Amino acid sequence: MKQPTKSTKEILVIDDDSDTQIFLKKILNGAGFSCSVAGDVESGSNAIQTQAPHLILLDYKLGQESGFEVKEFLRSK
């Protein structure tokens, strides 16, 4: 497995399904990306503000909330 470097791109996965989080994190880390996960809109929004990821993989249906809310939050910033 490749180890993250300073030039490694950061990917944030926002998904409420823990199996999907684990699967995507394993695949992305194995491909040399630095991957972090969030399980809901609130923690995803906080991660976006603190980490500034290069790419966000966003589930459109996050429990009672919608991934579209995160998209609108990003557009407002």
PDB file of N, CA and C in Angstrom:
ATOM      1  N   MET A   1       0.845  -1.178   0.000  1.00  0.00           N
ATOM      2  CA  MET A   1       0.000   0.000   0.000  1.00  0.00           C
ATOM      3  C   MET A   1       0.887   1.237   0.000  1.00  0.00           C
ATOM      4  N   LYS A   2       0.483   2.232  -0.788  1.00  0.00           N
ATOM      5  CA  LYS A   2       1.239   3.477  -0.852  1.00  0.00           C
ATOM      6  C   LYS A   2       1.019   4.293   0.420  1.00  0.00           C
ATOM      7  N   GLN A   3       2.065   4.929   0.876  1.00  0.00           N
ATOM      8  CA  GLN A   3       1.977   5.793   2.047  1.00  0.00           C
ATOM      9  C   GLN A   3       1.689   7.220   1.598  1.00  0.00           C
ATOM     10  N   PRO A   4       0.819   7.951   2.322  1.00  0.00           N
ATOM     11  CA  PRO A   4       0.522   9.332   1.959  1.00  0.00           C
ATOM     12  C   PRO A   4       1.776  10.203   2.024  1.00  0.00           C
ATOM     13  N   THR A   5       1.861  11.140   1.100  1.00  0.00           N
ATOM     14  CA  THR A   5       2.942  12.120   1.091  1.00  0.00           C
ATOM     15  C   THR A   5       2.331  13.509   1.127  1.00  0.00           C
ATOM     16  N   LYS A   6       3.188  14.515   1.182  1.00  0.00           N
ATOM     17  CA  LYS A   6       2.673  15.884   1.224  1.00  0.00           C
ATOM     18  C   LYS A   6       1.884  16.232  -0.026  1.00  0.00           C
ATOM     19  N   SER A   7       2.186  15.578  -1.157  1.00  0.00           N
ATOM     20  CA  SER A   7       1.463  15.866  -2.395  1.00  0.00           C
ATOM     21  C   SER A   7       0.221  14.988  -2.558  1.00  0.00           C
ATOM     22  N   THR A   8      -0.057  14.125  -1.591  1.00  0.00           N
ATOM     23  CA  THR A   8      -1.221  13.254  -1.667  1.00  0.00           C
ATOM     24  C   THR A   8      -2.505  14.073  -1.614  1.00  0.00           C
ATOM     25  N   LYS A   9      -3.400  13.744  -2.467  1.00  0.00           N
ATOM     26  CA  LYS A   9      -4.695  14.430  -2.503  1.00  0.00           C
ATOM     27  C   LYS A   9      -5.600  13.879  -1.407  1.00  0.00           C
ATOM     28  N   GLU A  10      -6.292  14.774  -0.722  1.00  0.00           N
ATOM     29  CA  GLU A  10      -7.199  14.433   0.365  1.00  0.00           C
ATOM     30  C   GLU A  10      -8.612  14.257  -0.188  1.00  0.00           C
ATOM     31  N   ILE A  11      -9.218  13.115   0.121  1.00  0.00           N
ATOM     32  CA  ILE A  11     -10.592  12.822  -0.300  1.00  0.00           C
ATOM     33  C   ILE A  11     -11.442  12.634   0.954  1.00  0.00           C
ATOM     34  N   LEU A  12     -12.585  13.285   0.977  1.00  0.00           N
ATOM     35  CA  LEU A  12     -13.532  13.156   2.076  1.00  0.00           C
ATOM     36  C   LEU A  12     -14.743  12.365   1.585  1.00  0.00           C
ATOM     37  N   VAL A  13     -15.063  11.288   2.298  1.00  0.00           N
ATOM     38  CA  VAL A  13     -16.245  10.471   2.004  1.00  0.00           C
ATOM     39  C   VAL A  13     -17.306  10.817   3.043  1.00  0.00           C
ATOM     40  N   ILE A  14     -18.463  11.283   2.581  1.00  0.00           N
ATOM     41  CA  ILE A  14     -19.582  11.575   3.482  1.00  0.00           C
ATOM     42  C   ILE A  14     -20.683  10.570   3.163  1.00  0.00           C
ATOM     43  N   ASP A  15     -20.831   9.600   4.060  1.00  0.00           N
ATOM     44  CA  ASP A  15     -21.801   8.525   3.859  1.00  0.00           C
ATOM     45  C   ASP A  15     -22.197   7.980   5.221  1.00  0.00           C
ATOM     46  N   ASP A  16     -23.481   7.701   5.421  1.00  0.00           N
ATOM     47  CA  ASP A  16     -23.945   7.207   6.719  1.00  0.00           C
ATOM     48  C   ASP A  16     -23.849   5.695   6.859  1.00  0.00           C
ATOM     49  N   ASP A  17     -23.414   4.990   5.820  1.00  0.00           N
ATOM     50  CA  ASP A  17     -23.275   3.537   5.867  1.00  0.00           C
ATOM     51  C   ASP A  17     -21.816   3.182   6.181  1.00  0.00           C
ATOM     52  N   SER A  18     -21.584   2.563   7.333  1.00  0.00           N
ATOM     53  CA  SER A  18     -20.210   2.283   7.760  1.00  0.00           C
ATOM     54  C   SER A  18     -19.508   1.294   6.826  1.00  0.00           C
ATOM     55  N   ASP A  19     -20.237   0.348   6.238  1.00  0.00           N
ATOM     56  CA  ASP A  19     -19.610  -0.585   5.292  1.00  0.00           C
ATOM     57  C   ASP A  19     -19.085   0.158   4.064  1.00  0.00           C
ATOM     58  N   THR A  20     -19.857   1.109   3.571  1.00  0.00           N
ATOM     59  CA  THR A  20     -19.433   1.906   2.426  1.00  0.00           C
ATOM     60  C   THR A  20     -18.225   2.754   2.793  1.00  0.00           C
ATOM     61  N   GLN A  21     -18.236   3.346   3.987  1.00  0.00           N
ATOM     62  CA  GLN A  21     -17.083   4.138   4.452  1.00  0.00           C
ATOM     63  C   GLN A  21     -15.816   3.292   4.462  1.00  0.00           C
ATOM     64  N   ILE A  22     -15.895   2.103   5.062  1.00  0.00           N
ATOM     65  CA  ILE A  22     -14.736   1.218   5.171  1.00  0.00           C
ATOM     66  C   ILE A  22     -14.246   0.804   3.787  1.00  0.00           C
ATOM     67  N   PHE A  23     -15.169   0.421   2.917  1.00  0.00           N
ATOM     68  CA  PHE A  23     -14.823  -0.018   1.561  1.00  0.00           C
ATOM     69  C   PHE A  23     -14.112   1.091   0.788  1.00  0.00           C
ATOM     70  N   LEU A  24     -14.718   2.279   0.759  1.00  0.00           N
ATOM     71  CA  LEU A  24     -14.131   3.383  -0.003  1.00  0.00           C
ATOM     72  C   LEU A  24     -12.790   3.819   0.575  1.00  0.00           C
ATOM     73  N   LYS A  25     -12.688   3.865   1.893  1.00  0.00           N
ATOM     74  CA  LYS A  25     -11.428   4.266   2.524  1.00  0.00           C
ATOM     75  C   LYS A  25     -10.318   3.277   2.169  1.00  0.00           C
ATOM     76  N   LYS A  26     -10.618   1.982   2.195  1.00  0.00           N
ATOM     77  CA  LYS A  26      -9.618   0.967   1.855  1.00  0.00           C
ATOM     78  C   LYS A  26      -9.184   1.107   0.396  1.00  0.00           C
ATOM     79  N   ILE A  27     -10.127   1.264  -0.499  1.00  0.00           N
ATOM     80  CA  ILE A  27      -9.813   1.392  -1.932  1.00  0.00           C
ATOM     81  C   ILE A  27      -8.999   2.663  -2.189  1.00  0.00           C
ATOM     82  N   LEU A  28      -9.432   3.783  -1.635  1.00  0.00           N
ATOM     83  CA  LEU A  28      -8.760   5.062  -1.894  1.00  0.00           C
ATOM     84  C   LEU A  28      -7.373   5.123  -1.259  1.00  0.00           C
ATOM     85  N   ASN A  29      -7.250   4.634  -0.033  1.00  0.00           N
ATOM     86  CA  ASN A  29      -5.924   4.594   0.602  1.00  0.00           C
ATOM     87  C   ASN A  29      -4.983   3.685  -0.177  1.00  0.00           C
ATOM     88  N   GLY A  30      -5.498   2.558  -0.668  1.00  0.00           N
ATOM     89  CA  GLY A  30      -4.692   1.639  -1.467  1.00  0.00           C
ATOM     90  C   GLY A  30      -4.233   2.248  -2.776  1.00  0.00           C
ATOM     91  N   ALA A  31      -5.000   3.210  -3.280  1.00  0.00           N
ATOM     92  CA  ALA A  31      -4.642   3.890  -4.523  1.00  0.00           C
ATOM     93  C   ALA A  31      -3.714   5.079  -4.276  1.00  0.00           C
ATOM     94  N   GLY A  32      -3.352   5.299  -3.008  1.00  0.00           N
ATOM     95  CA  GLY A  32      -2.402   6.362  -2.700  1.00  0.00           C
ATOM     96  C   GLY A  32      -3.006   7.680  -2.265  1.00  0.00           C
ATOM     97  N   PHE A  33      -4.315   7.711  -2.077  1.00  0.00           N
ATOM     98  CA  PHE A  33      -4.971   8.926  -1.615  1.00  0.00           C
ATOM     99  C   PHE A  33      -5.070   8.924  -0.096  1.00  0.00           C
ATOM    100  N   SER A  34      -5.172  10.100   0.481  1.00  0.00           N
ATOM    101  CA  SER A  34      -5.461  10.236   1.902  1.00  0.00           C
ATOM    102  C   SER A  34      -6.972  10.382   2.020  1.00  0.00           C
ATOM    103  N   CYS A  35      -7.607   9.509   2.767  1.00  0.00           N
ATOM    104  CA  CYS A  35      -9.061   9.477   2.818  1.00  0.00           C
ATOM    105  C   CYS A  35      -9.558   9.622   4.246  1.00  0.00           C
ATOM    106  N   SER A  36     -10.537  10.481   4.438  1.00  0.00           N
ATOM    107  CA  SER A  36     -11.208  10.594   5.729  1.00  0.00           C
ATOM    108  C   SER A  36     -12.703  10.426   5.488  1.00  0.00           C
ATOM    109  N   VAL A  37     -13.435  10.091   6.552  1.00  0.00           N
ATOM    110  CA  VAL A  37     -14.859   9.823   6.412  1.00  0.00           C
ATOM    111  C   VAL A  37     -15.663  10.633   7.420  1.00  0.00           C
ATOM    112  N   ALA A  38     -16.905  10.886   7.051  1.00  0.00           N
ATOM    113  CA  ALA A  38     -17.877  11.526   7.933  1.00  0.00           C
ATOM    114  C   ALA A  38     -19.194  10.799   7.735  1.00  0.00           C
ATOM    115  N   GLY A  39     -19.960  10.662   8.821  1.00  0.00           N
ATOM    116  CA  GLY A  39     -21.175   9.871   8.757  1.00  0.00           C
ATOM    117  C   GLY A  39     -22.464  10.641   8.668  1.00  0.00           C
ATOM    118  N   ASP A  40     -22.400  11.971   8.718  1.00  0.00           N
ATOM    119  CA  ASP A  40     -23.619  12.771   8.628  1.00  0.00           C
ATOM    120  C   ASP A  40     -23.293  14.160   8.098  1.00  0.00           C
ATOM    121  N   VAL A  41     -24.342  14.932   7.850  1.00  0.00           N
ATOM    122  CA  VAL A  41     -24.170  16.263   7.261  1.00  0.00           C
ATOM    123  C   VAL A  41     -23.355  17.179   8.176  1.00  0.00           C
ATOM    124  N   GLU A  42     -23.631  17.149   9.468  1.00  0.00           N
ATOM    125  CA  GLU A  42     -22.928  18.037  10.395  1.00  0.00           C
ATOM    126  C   GLU A  42     -21.429  17.736  10.442  1.00  0.00           C
ATOM    127  N   SER A  43     -21.066  16.483  10.634  1.00  0.00           N
ATOM    128  CA  SER A  43     -19.635  16.155  10.694  1.00  0.00           C
ATOM    129  C   SER A  43     -18.970  16.341   9.327  1.00  0.00           C
ATOM    130  N   GLY A  44     -19.703  16.103   8.263  1.00  0.00           N
ATOM    131  CA  GLY A  44     -19.173  16.357   6.922  1.00  0.00           C
ATOM    132  C   GLY A  44     -18.898  17.823   6.690  1.00  0.00           C
ATOM    133  N   SER A  45     -19.824  18.684   7.109  1.00  0.00           N
ATOM    134  CA  SER A  45     -19.632  20.134   6.964  1.00  0.00           C
ATOM    135  C   SER A  45     -18.447  20.610   7.792  1.00  0.00           C
ATOM    136  N   ASN A  46     -18.308  20.074   9.004  1.00  0.00           N
ATOM    137  CA  ASN A  46     -17.165  20.435   9.846  1.00  0.00           C
ATOM    138  C   ASN A  46     -15.850  19.987   9.206  1.00  0.00           C
ATOM    139  N   ALA A  47     -15.834  18.781   8.653  1.00  0.00           N
ATOM    140  CA  ALA A  47     -14.622  18.270   8.009  1.00  0.00           C
ATOM    141  C   ALA A  47     -14.246  19.101   6.795  1.00  0.00           C
ATOM    142  N   ILE A  48     -15.241  19.533   6.041  1.00  0.00           N
ATOM    143  CA  ILE A  48     -14.975  20.372   4.870  1.00  0.00           C
ATOM    144  C   ILE A  48     -14.308  21.675   5.288  1.00  0.00           C
ATOM    145  N   GLN A  49     -14.790  22.271   6.362  1.00  0.00           N
ATOM    146  CA  GLN A  49     -14.242  23.544   6.826  1.00  0.00           C
ATOM    147  C   GLN A  49     -12.836  23.390   7.403  1.00  0.00           C
ATOM    148  N   THR A  50     -12.554  22.290   8.080  1.00  0.00           N
ATOM    149  CA  THR A  50     -11.249  22.131   8.728  1.00  0.00           C
ATOM    150  C   THR A  50     -10.202  21.481   7.828  1.00  0.00           C
ATOM    151  N   GLN A  51     -10.619  20.611   6.910  1.00  0.00           N
ATOM    152  CA  GLN A  51      -9.664  19.866   6.093  1.00  0.00           C
ATOM    153  C   GLN A  51      -9.476  20.414   4.685  1.00  0.00           C
ATOM    154  N   ALA A  52     -10.474  21.074   4.152  1.00  0.00           N
ATOM    155  CA  ALA A  52     -10.456  21.553   2.759  1.00  0.00           C
ATOM    156  C   ALA A  52     -10.006  20.444   1.797  1.00  0.00           C
ATOM    157  N   PRO A  53     -10.795  19.358   1.691  1.00  0.00           N
ATOM    158  CA  PRO A  53     -10.402  18.236   0.835  1.00  0.00           C
ATOM    159  C   PRO A  53     -10.375  18.619  -0.643  1.00  0.00           C
ATOM    160  N   HIS A  54      -9.601  17.873  -1.417  1.00  0.00           N
ATOM    161  CA  HIS A  54      -9.525  18.091  -2.856  1.00  0.00           C
ATOM    162  C   HIS A  54     -10.762  17.551  -3.567  1.00  0.00           C
ATOM    163  N   LEU A  55     -11.360  16.496  -2.989  1.00  0.00           N
ATOM    164  CA  LEU A  55     -12.522  15.853  -3.591  1.00  0.00           C
ATOM    165  C   LEU A  55     -13.449  15.364  -2.487  1.00  0.00           C
ATOM    166  N   ILE A  56     -14.743  15.466  -2.709  1.00  0.00           N
ATOM    167  CA  ILE A  56     -15.732  14.981  -1.754  1.00  0.00           C
ATOM    168  C   ILE A  56     -16.614  13.957  -2.460  1.00  0.00           C
ATOM    169  N   LEU A  57     -16.688  12.760  -1.889  1.00  0.00           N
ATOM    170  CA  LEU A  57     -17.624  11.743  -2.365  1.00  0.00           C
ATOM    171  C   LEU A  57     -18.808  11.783  -1.412  1.00  0.00           C
ATOM    172  N   LEU A  58     -19.961  12.143  -1.933  1.00  0.00           N
ATOM    173  CA  LEU A  58     -21.106  12.488  -1.103  1.00  0.00           C
ATOM    174  C   LEU A  58     -22.304  11.598  -1.411  1.00  0.00           C
ATOM    175  N   ASP A  59     -22.812  10.935  -0.380  1.00  0.00           N
ATOM    176  CA  ASP A  59     -24.040  10.152  -0.507  1.00  0.00           C
ATOM    177  C   ASP A  59     -25.201  11.143  -0.591  1.00  0.00           C
ATOM    178  N   TYR A  60     -26.117  10.922  -1.502  1.00  0.00           N
ATOM    179  CA  TYR A  60     -27.226  11.870  -1.634  1.00  0.00           C
ATOM    180  C   TYR A  60     -28.289  11.683  -0.554  1.00  0.00           C
ATOM    181  N   LYS A  61     -28.326  10.525   0.086  1.00  0.00           N
ATOM    182  CA  LYS A  61     -29.327  10.273   1.123  1.00  0.00           C
ATOM    183  C   LYS A  61     -28.611   9.926   2.424  1.00  0.00           C
ATOM    184  N   LEU A  62     -28.558  10.870   3.330  1.00  0.00           N
ATOM    185  CA  LEU A  62     -27.842  10.715   4.596  1.00  0.00           C
ATOM    186  C   LEU A  62     -28.841  10.681   5.748  1.00  0.00           C
ATOM    187  N   GLY A  63     -29.453   9.535   5.960  1.00  0.00           N
ATOM    188  CA  GLY A  63     -30.426   9.411   7.042  1.00  0.00           C
ATOM    189  C   GLY A  63     -31.597  10.345   6.823  1.00  0.00           C
ATOM    190  N   GLN A  64     -31.854  11.206   7.794  1.00  0.00           N
ATOM    191  CA  GLN A  64     -32.963  12.156   7.704  1.00  0.00           C
ATOM    192  C   GLN A  64     -32.605  13.370   6.847  1.00  0.00           C
ATOM    193  N   GLU A  65     -31.325  13.533   6.563  1.00  0.00           N
ATOM    194  CA  GLU A  65     -30.873  14.707   5.820  1.00  0.00           C
ATOM    195  C   GLU A  65     -30.487  14.304   4.402  1.00  0.00           C
ATOM    196  N   SER A  66     -30.157  15.306   3.620  1.00  0.00           N
ATOM    197  CA  SER A  66     -29.841  15.088   2.221  1.00  0.00           C
ATOM    198  C   SER A  66     -28.426  15.560   1.901  1.00  0.00           C
ATOM    199  N   GLY A  67     -27.769  14.816   1.036  1.00  0.00           N
ATOM    200  CA  GLY A  67     -26.471  15.249   0.542  1.00  0.00           C
ATOM    201  C   GLY A  67     -26.572  16.554  -0.225  1.00  0.00           C
ATOM    202  N   PHE A  68     -27.766  16.859  -0.726  1.00  0.00           N
ATOM    203  CA  PHE A  68     -27.960  18.112  -1.432  1.00  0.00           C
ATOM    204  C   PHE A  68     -27.798  19.310  -0.489  1.00  0.00           C
ATOM    205  N   GLU A  69     -28.064  19.104   0.817  1.00  0.00           N
ATOM    206  CA  GLU A  69     -27.847  20.166   1.791  1.00  0.00           C
ATOM    207  C   GLU A  69     -26.370  20.508   1.897  1.00  0.00           C
ATOM    208  N   VAL A  70     -25.529  19.496   1.848  1.00  0.00           N
ATOM    209  CA  VAL A  70     -24.089  19.727   1.882  1.00  0.00           C
ATOM    210  C   VAL A  70     -23.651  20.462   0.615  1.00  0.00           C
ATOM    211  N   LYS A  71     -24.203  20.049  -0.510  1.00  0.00           N
ATOM    212  CA  LYS A  71     -23.884  20.714  -1.780  1.00  0.00           C
ATOM    213  C   LYS A  71     -24.262  22.187  -1.725  1.00  0.00           C
ATOM    214  N   GLU A  72     -25.427  22.492  -1.183  1.00  0.00           N
ATOM    215  CA  GLU A  72     -25.851  23.889  -1.066  1.00  0.00           C
ATOM    216  C   GLU A  72     -24.957  24.657  -0.090  1.00  0.00           C
ATOM    217  N   PHE A  73     -24.541  24.005   0.989  1.00  0.00           N
ATOM    218  CA  PHE A  73     -23.624  24.631   1.940  1.00  0.00           C
ATOM    219  C   PHE A  73     -22.322  25.001   1.233  1.00  0.00           C
ATOM    220  N   LEU A  74     -21.799  24.090   0.413  1.00  0.00           N
ATOM    221  CA  LEU A  74     -20.568  24.361  -0.310  1.00  0.00           C
ATOM    222  C   LEU A  74     -20.722  25.514  -1.303  1.00  0.00           C
ATOM    223  N   ARG A  75     -21.836  25.535  -1.963  1.00  0.00           N
ATOM    224  CA  ARG A  75     -22.078  26.628  -2.922  1.00  0.00           C
ATOM    225  C   ARG A  75     -22.151  27.983  -2.221  1.00  0.00           C
ATOM    226  N   SER A  76     -22.687  27.999  -1.010  1.00  0.00           N
ATOM    227  CA  SER A  76     -22.818  29.259  -0.289  1.00  0.00           C
ATOM    228  C   SER A  76     -21.468  29.794   0.184  1.00  0.00           C
ATOM    229  N   LYS A  77     -20.485  28.912   0.292  1.00  0.00           N
ATOM    230  CA  LYS A  77     -19.144  29.325   0.737  1.00  0.00           C
ATOM    231  C   LYS A  77     -18.302  29.683  -0.444  1.00  0.00           C
TER     232      LYS A  77
END
